[in-house]
C-alpha atoms as a PDB file:
ATOM      1  CA  MET A   1     139.168 163.697 -47.124  1.00  0.00           C
ATOM      2  CA  LYS A   2     142.301 161.669 -46.479  1.00  0.00           C
ATOM      3  CA  ALA A   3     143.107 159.297 -49.371  1.00  0.00           C
ATOM      4  CA  LEU A   4     143.237 155.828 -47.817  1.00  0.00           C
ATOM      5  CA  PHE A   5     143.541 152.541 -49.680  1.00  0.00           C
ATOM      6  CA  ARG A   6     143.538 149.012 -48.290  1.00  0.00           C
ATOM      7  CA  ALA A   7     143.973 145.817 -50.251  1.00  0.00           C
ATOM      8  CA  ALA A   8     144.406 142.131 -49.488  1.00  0.00           C
ATOM      9  CA  GLY A   9     144.573 138.794 -51.269  1.00  0.00           C
ATOM     10  CA  ALA A  10     146.580 138.627 -54.480  1.00  0.00           C
ATOM     11  CA  ALA A  11     149.810 140.570 -54.972  1.00  0.00           C
ATOM     12  CA  VAL A  12     149.239 144.305 -55.074  1.00  0.00           C
ATOM     13  CA  PHE A  13     151.342 146.688 -57.197  1.00  0.00           C
ATOM     14  CA  VAL A  14     152.269 150.060 -55.720  1.00  0.00           C
ATOM     15  CA  ALA A  15     154.551 152.352 -57.737  1.00  0.00           C
ATOM     16  CA  LEU A  16     156.111 155.384 -56.067  1.00  0.00           C
ATOM     17  CA  LEU A  17     153.324 155.652 -53.519  1.00  0.00           C
ATOM     18  CA  GLY A  18     151.133 157.218 -56.161  1.00  0.00           C
ATOM     19  CA  ALA A  19     153.010 160.486 -56.633  1.00  0.00           C
ATOM     20  CA  ALA A  20     156.483 160.178 -58.188  1.00  0.00           C
ATOM     21  CA  SER A  21     158.136 160.693 -61.533  1.00  0.00           C
ATOM     22  CA  ALA A  22     157.859 158.128 -64.280  1.00  0.00           C
ATOM     23  CA  GLN A  23     161.642 157.641 -64.293  1.00  0.00           C
ATOM     24  CA  ALA A  24     161.843 156.080 -60.835  1.00  0.00           C
ATOM     25  CA  ALA A  25     161.975 152.303 -60.606  1.00  0.00           C
ATOM     26  CA  PHE A  26     160.961 151.840 -56.950  1.00  0.00           C
ATOM     27  CA  VAL A  27     158.146 149.268 -56.906  1.00  0.00           C
ATOM     28  CA  VAL A  28     156.463 147.538 -53.974  1.00  0.00           C
ATOM     29  CA  THR A  29     154.347 144.393 -54.263  1.00  0.00           C
ATOM     30  CA  ALA A  30     152.635 142.714 -51.330  1.00  0.00           C
ATOM     31  CA  GLU A  31     149.919 140.246 -50.387  1.00  0.00           C
ATOM     32  CA  ARG A  32     148.258 142.873 -48.211  1.00  0.00           C
ATOM     33  CA  LEU A  33     148.836 146.588 -47.710  1.00  0.00           C
ATOM     34  CA  ASP A  34     147.545 149.709 -46.031  1.00  0.00           C
ATOM     35  CA  LEU A  35     148.325 152.878 -48.001  1.00  0.00           C
ATOM     36  CA  ASP A  36     147.757 156.510 -47.003  1.00  0.00           C
ATOM     37  CA  ALA A  37     148.532 158.207 -50.335  1.00  0.00           C
ATOM     38  CA  GLU A  38     148.022 161.730 -48.975  1.00  0.00           C
ATOM     39  CA  ARG A  39     150.653 161.350 -46.255  1.00  0.00           C
ATOM     40  CA  GLY A  40     152.884 159.029 -48.304  1.00  0.00           C
ATOM     41  CA  TRP A  41     152.660 156.311 -45.660  1.00  0.00           C
ATOM     42  CA  LEU A  42     152.588 152.603 -46.409  1.00  0.00           C
ATOM     43  CA  ARG A  43     152.387 149.400 -44.401  1.00  0.00           C
ATOM     44  CA  ALA A  44     152.601 146.109 -46.269  1.00  0.00           C
ATOM     45  CA  TRP A  45     152.869 142.397 -45.524  1.00  0.00           C
ATOM     46  CA  GLN A  46     154.751 139.663 -47.393  1.00  0.00           C
ATOM     47  CA  VAL A  47     156.424 142.437 -49.293  1.00  0.00           C
ATOM     48  CA  ARG A  48     158.796 142.610 -52.248  1.00  0.00           C
ATOM     49  CA  ILE A  49     160.641 145.796 -53.266  1.00  0.00           C
ATOM     50  CA  THR A  50     162.434 146.163 -56.591  1.00  0.00           C
ATOM     51  CA  ASP A  51     164.672 149.106 -57.402  1.00  0.00           C
ATOM     52  CA  ASP A  52     166.841 149.199 -60.523  1.00  0.00           C
ATOM     53  CA  GLY A  53     168.005 145.577 -60.385  1.00  0.00           C
ATOM     54  CA  ARG A  54     167.793 145.221 -56.597  1.00  0.00           C
ATOM     55  CA  VAL A  55     165.244 143.038 -54.851  1.00  0.00           C
ATOM     56  CA  LEU A  56     164.313 143.190 -51.160  1.00  0.00           C
ATOM     57  CA  THR A  57     161.835 140.864 -49.478  1.00  0.00           C
ATOM     58  CA  ALA A  58     160.475 140.699 -45.922  1.00  0.00           C
ATOM     59  CA  ALA A  59     157.442 139.718 -43.903  1.00  0.00           C
ATOM     60  CA  GLU A  60     156.493 143.338 -43.202  1.00  0.00           C
ATOM     61  CA  LEU A  61     157.298 146.868 -44.385  1.00  0.00           C
ATOM     62  CA  VAL A  62     156.519 150.244 -42.844  1.00  0.00           C
ATOM     63  CA  LEU A  63     157.489 153.091 -45.172  1.00  0.00           C
ATOM     64  CA  ASP A  64     157.325 156.867 -44.782  1.00  0.00           C
ATOM     65  CA  ARG A  65     157.989 158.657 -48.057  1.00  0.00           C
ATOM     66  CA  ALA A  66     158.223 162.123 -46.500  1.00  0.00           C
ATOM     67  CA  ALA A  67     161.013 160.932 -44.187  1.00  0.00           C
ATOM     68  CA  GLY A  68     162.692 158.987 -46.989  1.00  0.00           C
ATOM     69  CA  ALA A  69     162.895 155.933 -44.752  1.00  0.00           C
ATOM     70  CA  GLY A  70     161.359 152.554 -44.196  1.00  0.00           C
ATOM     71  CA  THR A  71     161.617 149.561 -41.861  1.00  0.00           C
ATOM     72  CA  LEU A  72     161.620 145.934 -42.970  1.00  0.00           C
ATOM     73  CA  SER A  73     161.121 143.109 -40.485  1.00  0.00           C
ATOM     74  CA  GLY A  74     160.798 139.348 -40.488  1.00  0.00           C
ATOM     75  CA  GLY A  75     163.363 137.420 -42.537  1.00  0.00           C
ATOM     76  CA  VAL A  76     164.788 140.306 -44.555  1.00  0.00           C
ATOM     77  CA  ARG A  77     166.608 139.379 -47.772  1.00  0.00           C
ATOM     78  CA  ALA A  78     168.270 141.877 -50.120  1.00  0.00           C
ATOM     79  CA  LEU A  79     169.807 140.902 -53.463  1.00  0.00           C
ATOM     80  CA  GLY A  80     172.022 143.241 -55.458  1.00  0.00           C
ATOM     81  CA  PRO A  81     175.408 143.622 -57.170  1.00  0.00           C
ATOM     82  CA  GLU A  82     177.158 143.323 -53.786  1.00  0.00           C
ATOM     83  CA  GLY A  83     175.639 139.902 -53.091  1.00  0.00           C
ATOM     84  CA  GLU A  84     172.910 138.579 -50.820  1.00  0.00           C
ATOM     85  CA  LEU A  85     172.256 140.339 -47.505  1.00  0.00           C
ATOM     86  CA  ARG A  86     170.092 138.621 -44.868  1.00  0.00           C
ATOM     87  CA  SER A  87     168.994 139.823 -41.428  1.00  0.00           C
ATOM     88  CA  ARG A  88     166.114 139.801 -38.985  1.00  0.00           C
ATOM     89  CA  ALA A  89     165.297 143.464 -39.674  1.00  0.00           C
ATOM     90  CA  ALA A  90     166.528 146.353 -41.803  1.00  0.00           C
ATOM     91  CA  ARG A  91     166.047 150.060 -42.286  1.00  0.00           C
ATOM     92  CA  ILE A  92     166.160 151.574 -45.750  1.00  0.00           C
ATOM     93  CA  ARG A  93     166.753 155.135 -46.930  1.00  0.00           C
ATOM     94  CA  PHE A  94     165.853 156.567 -50.326  1.00  0.00           C
ATOM     95  CA  THR A  95     165.810 159.881 -52.211  1.00  0.00           C
ATOM     96  CA  ARG A  96     162.774 162.055 -52.934  1.00  0.00           C
ATOM     97  CA  ALA A  97     162.761 160.441 -56.373  1.00  0.00           C
ATOM     98  CA  LEU A  98     162.553 157.046 -54.599  1.00  0.00           C
ATOM     99  CA  GLN A  99     166.025 155.817 -55.449  1.00  0.00           C
ATOM    100  CA  LEU A 100     167.366 153.451 -52.827  1.00  0.00           C
ATOM    101  CA  LEU A 101     170.405 154.837 -50.969  1.00  0.00           C
ATOM    102  CA  GLN A 102     171.100 152.545 -48.045  1.00  0.00           C
ATOM    103  CA  VAL A 103     170.145 149.251 -46.431  1.00  0.00           C
ATOM    104  CA  ASP A 104     170.953 149.051 -42.718  1.00  0.00           C
ATOM    105  CA  ALA A 105     170.566 145.394 -41.706  1.00  0.00           C
ATOM    106  CA  GLU A 106     170.334 144.498 -38.017  1.00  0.00           C
ATOM    107  CA  GLY A 107     170.215 141.238 -36.088  1.00  0.00           C
ATOM    108  CA  GLY A 108     172.175 138.228 -37.311  1.00  0.00           C
ATOM    109  CA  SER A 109     173.215 140.069 -40.468  1.00  0.00           C
ATOM    110  CA  ARG A 110     175.082 138.155 -43.184  1.00  0.00           C
ATOM    111  CA  LEU A 111     176.335 139.370 -46.545  1.00  0.00           C
ATOM    112  CA  HIS A 112     177.243 136.534 -48.951  1.00  0.00           C
ATOM    113  CA  ALA A 113     179.388 137.680 -51.882  1.00  0.00           C
ATOM    114  CA  ARG A 114     181.831 135.997 -54.289  1.00  0.00           C
ATOM    115  CA  GLY A 115     182.809 133.109 -52.052  1.00  0.00           C
ATOM    116  CA  TRP A 116     182.968 135.224 -48.880  1.00  0.00           C
ATOM    117  CA  THR A 117     180.557 135.779 -46.004  1.00  0.00           C
ATOM    118  CA  LEU A 118     180.559 138.947 -43.910  1.00  0.00           C
ATOM    119  CA  SER A 119     178.630 138.543 -40.660  1.00  0.00           C
ATOM    120  CA  ALA A 120     177.955 140.887 -37.752  1.00  0.00           C
ATOM    121  CA  ASP A 121     175.195 142.285 -35.567  1.00  0.00           C
ATOM    122  CA  ARG A 122     174.833 145.115 -38.050  1.00  0.00           C
ATOM    123  CA  VAL A 123     175.735 145.515 -41.744  1.00  0.00           C
ATOM    124  CA  GLN A 124     175.210 148.922 -43.321  1.00  0.00           C
ATOM    125  CA  LEU A 125     175.242 148.862 -47.135  1.00  0.00           C
ATOM    126  CA  ASP A 126     175.594 151.994 -49.275  1.00  0.00           C
ATOM    127  CA  THR A 127     173.944 151.074 -52.580  1.00  0.00           C
ATOM    128  CA  ARG A 128     175.645 153.886 -54.521  1.00  0.00           C
ATOM    129  CA  SER A 129     179.242 152.987 -53.648  1.00  0.00           C
ATOM    130  CA  GLY A 130     178.795 149.258 -53.007  1.00  0.00           C
ATOM    131  CA  VAL A 131     180.511 149.690 -49.621  1.00  0.00           C
ATOM    132  CA  ALA A 132     179.330 147.655 -46.619  1.00  0.00           C
ATOM    133  CA  VAL A 133     180.318 148.429 -43.026  1.00  0.00           C
ATOM    134  CA  ALA A 134     179.939 145.591 -40.517  1.00  0.00           C
ATOM    135  CA  THR A 135     180.051 146.073 -36.752  1.00  0.00           C
ATOM    136  CA  GLY A 136     179.233 144.019 -33.691  1.00  0.00           C
ATOM    137  CA  ARG A 137     180.554 140.979 -31.746  1.00  0.00           C
ATOM    138  CA  PRO A 138     182.797 141.126 -33.821  1.00  0.00           C
ATOM    139  CA  ALA A 139     182.483 141.511 -37.567  1.00  0.00           C
ATOM    140  CA  VAL A 140     183.769 138.323 -39.250  1.00  0.00           C
ATOM    141  CA  LEU A 141     184.761 137.669 -42.857  1.00  0.00           C
ATOM    142  CA  THR A 142     185.104 134.010 -43.862  1.00  0.00           C
ATOM    143  CA  GLY A 143     185.971 132.272 -47.122  1.00  0.00           C
ATOM    144  CA  ARG A 144     187.961 129.341 -48.389  1.00  0.00           C
ATOM    145  CA  GLU A 145     190.362 128.483 -45.543  1.00  0.00           C
ATOM    146  CA  VAL A 146     190.790 131.975 -44.036  1.00  0.00           C
ATOM    147  CA  THR A 147     188.676 133.698 -41.389  1.00  0.00           C
ATOM    148  CA  ALA A 148     189.268 137.371 -40.606  1.00  0.00           C
ATOM    149  CA  ALA A 149     187.777 139.066 -37.545  1.00  0.00           C
ATOM    150  CA  ALA A 150     187.766 142.657 -36.285  1.00  0.00           C
ATOM    151  CA  PRO A 151     185.458 144.974 -34.323  1.00  0.00           C
ATOM    152  CA  ARG A 152     184.664 146.749 -37.599  1.00  0.00           C
ATOM    153  CA  VAL A 153     185.019 145.620 -41.220  1.00  0.00           C
ATOM    154  CA  LEU A 154     184.635 147.950 -44.198  1.00  0.00           C
ATOM    155  CA  TYR A 155     184.009 145.842 -47.322  1.00  0.00           C
ATOM    156  CA  ARG A 156     184.411 147.448 -50.762  1.00  0.00           C
ATOM    157  CA  SER A 157     182.555 145.041 -53.023  1.00  0.00           C
ATOM    158  CA  ARG A 158     183.692 146.561 -56.320  1.00  0.00           C
ATOM    159  CA  GLU A 159     187.376 146.343 -55.382  1.00  0.00           C
ATOM    160  CA  GLN A 160     186.897 143.075 -53.420  1.00  0.00           C
ATOM    161  CA  GLN A 161     188.851 144.589 -50.575  1.00  0.00           C
ATOM    162  CA  ALA A 162     188.204 144.747 -46.846  1.00  0.00           C
ATOM    163  CA  GLY A 163     189.588 147.137 -44.261  1.00  0.00           C
ATOM    164  CA  LEU A 164     189.788 145.641 -40.770  1.00  0.00           C
ATOM    165  CA  ALA A 165     189.915 147.865 -37.690  1.00  0.00           C
ATOM    166  CA  ALA A 166     192.249 147.070 -34.807  1.00  0.00           C
ATOM    167  CA  PRO A 167     192.640 144.489 -33.488  1.00  0.00           C
ATOM    168  CA  ALA A 168     192.552 142.376 -36.663  1.00  0.00           C
ATOM    169  CA  ARG A 169     192.874 138.597 -36.483  1.00  0.00           C
ATOM    170  CA  PHE A 170     193.373 136.029 -39.267  1.00  0.00           C
ATOM    171  CA  GLU A 171     192.836 132.318 -38.667  1.00  0.00           C
ATOM    172  CA  THR A 172     193.890 129.402 -40.883  1.00  0.00           C
ATOM    173  CA  PRO A 173     193.833 125.656 -40.146  1.00  0.00           C
ATOM    174  CA  GLN A 174     197.572 125.926 -39.405  1.00  0.00           C
ATOM    175  CA  GLY A 175     197.548 128.913 -37.046  1.00  0.00           C
ATOM    176  CA  THR A 176     196.793 132.585 -36.431  1.00  0.00           C
ATOM    177  CA  LEU A 177     198.101 136.053 -37.245  1.00  0.00           C
ATOM    178  CA  GLU A 178     197.051 139.087 -35.179  1.00  0.00           C
ATOM    179  CA  GLY A 179     197.824 142.781 -35.418  1.00  0.00           C
ATOM    180  CA  GLN A 180     196.353 146.255 -35.650  1.00  0.00           C
ATOM    181  CA  GLU A 181     194.621 147.667 -38.746  1.00  0.00           C
ATOM    182  CA  SER A 182     194.742 145.501 -41.853  1.00  0.00           C
ATOM    183  CA  THR A 183     193.937 145.728 -45.553  1.00  0.00           C
ATOM    184  CA  PHE A 184     192.691 142.404 -46.921  1.00  0.00           C
ATOM    185  CA  ARG A 185     192.571 141.951 -50.715  1.00  0.00           C
ATOM    186  CA  LEU A 186     190.058 139.145 -51.164  1.00  0.00           C
ATOM    187  CA  ARG A 187     190.667 138.364 -54.831  1.00  0.00           C
ATOM    188  CA  GLU A 188     194.417 137.898 -54.280  1.00  0.00           C
ATOM    189  CA  GLN A 189     194.002 136.531 -50.716  1.00  0.00           C
ATOM    190  CA  THR A 190     196.697 138.840 -49.394  1.00  0.00           C
ATOM    191  CA  ALA A 191     196.691 141.015 -46.285  1.00  0.00           C
ATOM    192  CA  ARG A 192     198.966 143.723 -44.914  1.00  0.00           C
ATOM    193  CA  VAL A 193     198.854 143.824 -41.119  1.00  0.00           C
ATOM    194  CA  ALA A 194     200.124 146.794 -39.105  1.00  0.00           C
ATOM    195  CA  GLY A 195     201.982 146.004 -35.934  1.00  0.00           C
ATOM    196  CA  PRO A 196     202.813 145.110 -33.388  1.00  0.00           C
ATOM    197  CA  VAL A 197     202.042 141.669 -34.836  1.00  0.00           C
ATOM    198  CA  ALA A 198     201.727 138.363 -32.998  1.00  0.00           C
ATOM    199  CA  PHE A 199     201.685 134.987 -34.771  1.00  0.00           C
ATOM    200  CA  ARG A 200     201.335 131.350 -33.814  1.00  0.00           C
ATOM    201  CA  PHE A 201     201.990 128.489 -36.246  1.00  0.00           C
ATOM    202  CA  ALA A 202     203.368 124.971 -35.894  1.00  0.00           C
ATOM    203  CA  ALA A 203     206.651 126.251 -37.379  1.00  0.00           C
ATOM    204  CA  GLY A 204     206.989 128.827 -34.594  1.00  0.00           C
ATOM    205  CA  GLN A 205     205.366 131.626 -32.680  1.00  0.00           C
ATOM    206  CA  GLY A 206     206.424 135.154 -31.850  1.00  0.00           C
ATOM    207  CA  VAL A 207     206.132 138.868 -32.568  1.00  0.00           C
ATOM    208  CA  ALA A 208     207.103 141.292 -35.346  1.00  0.00           C
ATOM    209  CA  ARG A 209     206.828 144.950 -36.304  1.00  0.00           C
ATOM    210  CA  GLU A 210     204.459 144.275 -39.236  1.00  0.00           C
ATOM    211  CA  ALA A 211     203.470 141.478 -41.601  1.00  0.00           C
ATOM    212  CA  VAL A 212     202.297 140.715 -45.128  1.00  0.00           C
ATOM    213  CA  ALA A 213     200.358 137.477 -45.592  1.00  0.00           C
ATOM    214  CA  ASP A 214     199.746 135.558 -48.797  1.00  0.00           C
ATOM    215  CA  PHE A 215     197.110 133.010 -47.840  1.00  0.00           C
ATOM    216  CA  ALA A 216     197.008 131.514 -51.328  1.00  0.00           C
ATOM    217  CA  GLN A 217     200.683 130.524 -51.001  1.00  0.00           C
ATOM    218  CA  GLY A 218     200.546 129.765 -47.289  1.00  0.00           C
ATOM    219  CA  ARG A 219     203.190 132.402 -46.581  1.00  0.00           C
ATOM    220  CA  VAL A 220     203.634 135.174 -43.995  1.00  0.00           C
ATOM    221  CA  ASP A 221     206.427 137.756 -44.396  1.00  0.00           C
ATOM    222  CA  LEU A 222     207.407 139.240 -41.047  1.00  0.00           C
ATOM    223  CA  MET A 223     209.348 142.499 -40.865  1.00  0.00           C
ATOM    224  CA  GLY A 224     211.574 143.274 -37.947  1.00  0.00           C
ATOM    225  CA  PRO A 225     212.572 143.263 -35.443  1.00  0.00           C
ATOM    226  CA  VAL A 226     211.169 139.700 -35.519  1.00  0.00           C
ATOM    227  CA  ARG A 227     211.363 137.252 -32.637  1.00  0.00           C
ATOM    228  CA  VAL A 228     210.419 133.614 -33.287  1.00  0.00           C
ATOM    229  CA  ARG A 229     210.233 130.919 -30.637  1.00  0.00           C
ATOM    230  CA  TRP A 230     210.432 127.273 -31.668  1.00  0.00           C
ATOM    231  CA  ARG A 231     210.080 124.947 -28.698  1.00  0.00           C
ATOM    232  CA  SER A 232     212.597 126.458 -26.240  1.00  0.00           C
ATOM    233  CA  SER A 233     214.877 128.058 -28.837  1.00  0.00           C
ATOM    234  CA  VAL A 234     214.639 131.706 -29.936  1.00  0.00           C
ATOM    235  CA  LEU A 235     215.397 133.194 -33.357  1.00  0.00           C
ATOM    236  CA  GLU A 236     215.816 136.948 -33.918  1.00  0.00           C
ATOM    237  CA  GLY A 237     216.099 138.757 -37.250  1.00  0.00           C
ATOM    238  CA  GLN A 238     214.919 141.657 -39.357  1.00  0.00           C
ATOM    239  CA  ARG A 239     213.007 139.660 -41.984  1.00  0.00           C
ATOM    240  CA  VAL A 240     211.538 136.202 -41.494  1.00  0.00           C
ATOM    241  CA  VAL A 241     209.284 134.211 -43.830  1.00  0.00           C
ATOM    242  CA  VAL A 242     206.995 131.559 -42.368  1.00  0.00           C
ATOM    243  CA  TRP A 243     205.698 128.945 -44.821  1.00  0.00           C
ATOM    244  CA  TYR A 244     203.031 127.781 -42.424  1.00  0.00           C
ATOM    245  CA  ARG A 245     201.592 124.888 -44.471  1.00  0.00           C
ATOM    246  CA  GLN A 246     205.057 123.365 -44.853  1.00  0.00           C
ATOM    247  CA  GLY A 247     206.198 124.090 -41.316  1.00  0.00           C
ATOM    248  CA  ARG A 248     209.240 126.066 -42.560  1.00  0.00           C
ATOM    249  CA  VAL A 249     210.892 129.250 -41.315  1.00  0.00           C
ATOM    250  CA  VAL A 250     213.287 131.146 -43.641  1.00  0.00           C
ATOM    251  CA  VAL A 251     215.457 134.010 -42.361  1.00  0.00           C
ATOM    252  CA  GLU A 252     216.557 136.667 -44.830  1.00  0.00           C
ATOM    253  CA  GLY A 253     219.569 138.764 -43.783  1.00  0.00           C
ATOM    254  CA  PRO A 254     221.484 138.842 -40.490  1.00  0.00           C
ATOM    255  CA  SER A 255     220.005 136.836 -37.637  1.00  0.00           C
ATOM    256  CA  ARG A 256     220.747 135.468 -34.218  1.00  0.00           C
ATOM    257  CA  MET A 257     219.529 132.167 -32.779  1.00  0.00           C
ATOM    258  CA  ARG A 258     219.797 130.847 -29.269  1.00  0.00           C
ATOM    259  CA  VAL A 259     219.385 127.073 -29.290  1.00  0.00           C
ATOM    260  CA  GLU A 260     218.466 125.498 -25.992  1.00  0.00           C
ATOM    261  CA  GLU A 261     219.926 122.140 -25.100  1.00  0.00           C
ATOM    262  CA  GLU A 262     216.584 120.359 -25.065  1.00  0.00           C
ATOM    263  CA  ASP A 263     216.089 121.279 -28.731  1.00  0.00           C
ATOM    264  CA  LEU A 264     219.393 119.743 -29.888  1.00  0.00           C
ATOM    265  CA  PRO A 265     219.366 116.356 -31.646  1.00  0.00           C
ATOM    266  CA  ARG A 266     219.727 113.438 -29.268  1.00  0.00           C
ATOM    267  CA  SER A 267     222.654 111.076 -29.684  1.00  0.00           C
ATOM    268  CA  PRO A 268     221.715 107.431 -30.103  1.00  0.00           C
END
C-alpha cells in the first residue's frame, strides 16, 4: 500500500523525505504537509527549508525528489552567503543526496547583497559557485549613487563583480555612460565599458572608442578617438578625462578644439 502521511497544526519536521543518507542537511518544516514517502513527493504550506546554512521560506512548496526539483510560491525568501533573494515564486534543483544546487527566482526578483540590489524578472542563483544571472526588463544593479542596467547581468558574489551584456548603461546623479559589454567591479566601484561609448555629463557629452569609469572618484577615462561637445563647441582627442562631479574635462595628448562664437566670453 502506498505510504501516505498528512499532518497539520504545529511545525512538522521532514528530513530527506524519509529515505536519504544521514550526511545530508536538507530539512523541511511546515505548518501543514502532504507527504507520499513511496513516490518521494511532498506538498507543504508555510514552509521553511534549511540546507547547510541556507534558509528558504515560502507560503507553499511542491517537491518531487525523483525529479530533483521543487516549486516554491507565495512570498519566496532565500538567505545564503550571496545575500537575500526575494521573489513571487521560485524553482529549486537538488542532487540525489538532497544538496541544493540552484534557486531560480521568478517574478519581481531582487537579490540584496553587500550594499547592492540586483533586480529583474528572473534571477537564477547557482549555490555552488555563488553566481547569479539576472534577466528581464532589464536587469538592474543599484547601490550607493550608481545604477547599472543591461538586458542580462551575471553577478559573481564571491568576487563582487558583475558582467553586463550589451547595451550596458551606468547612471549617476551627474549624468550617464553607455556602451556595449561591461565589467563592473563592485568593491572598487570601477567599470570597463567596451565601445562605441556614449556619455552625457554637465561638463560635456559625446562619444568614444571605450571607457574606464571610477565612480568612487567621479572620473571617466575616455579612449579615442574621443569627441566631446560642450554647448556649441567641439573637442577632439585621443584621451579625455571627465571629472563629472567637478564639471571638468582634461585632455591628455594632442587635441583639436573648435570654439563657436556663442561660447566665447562676452565683452562688457
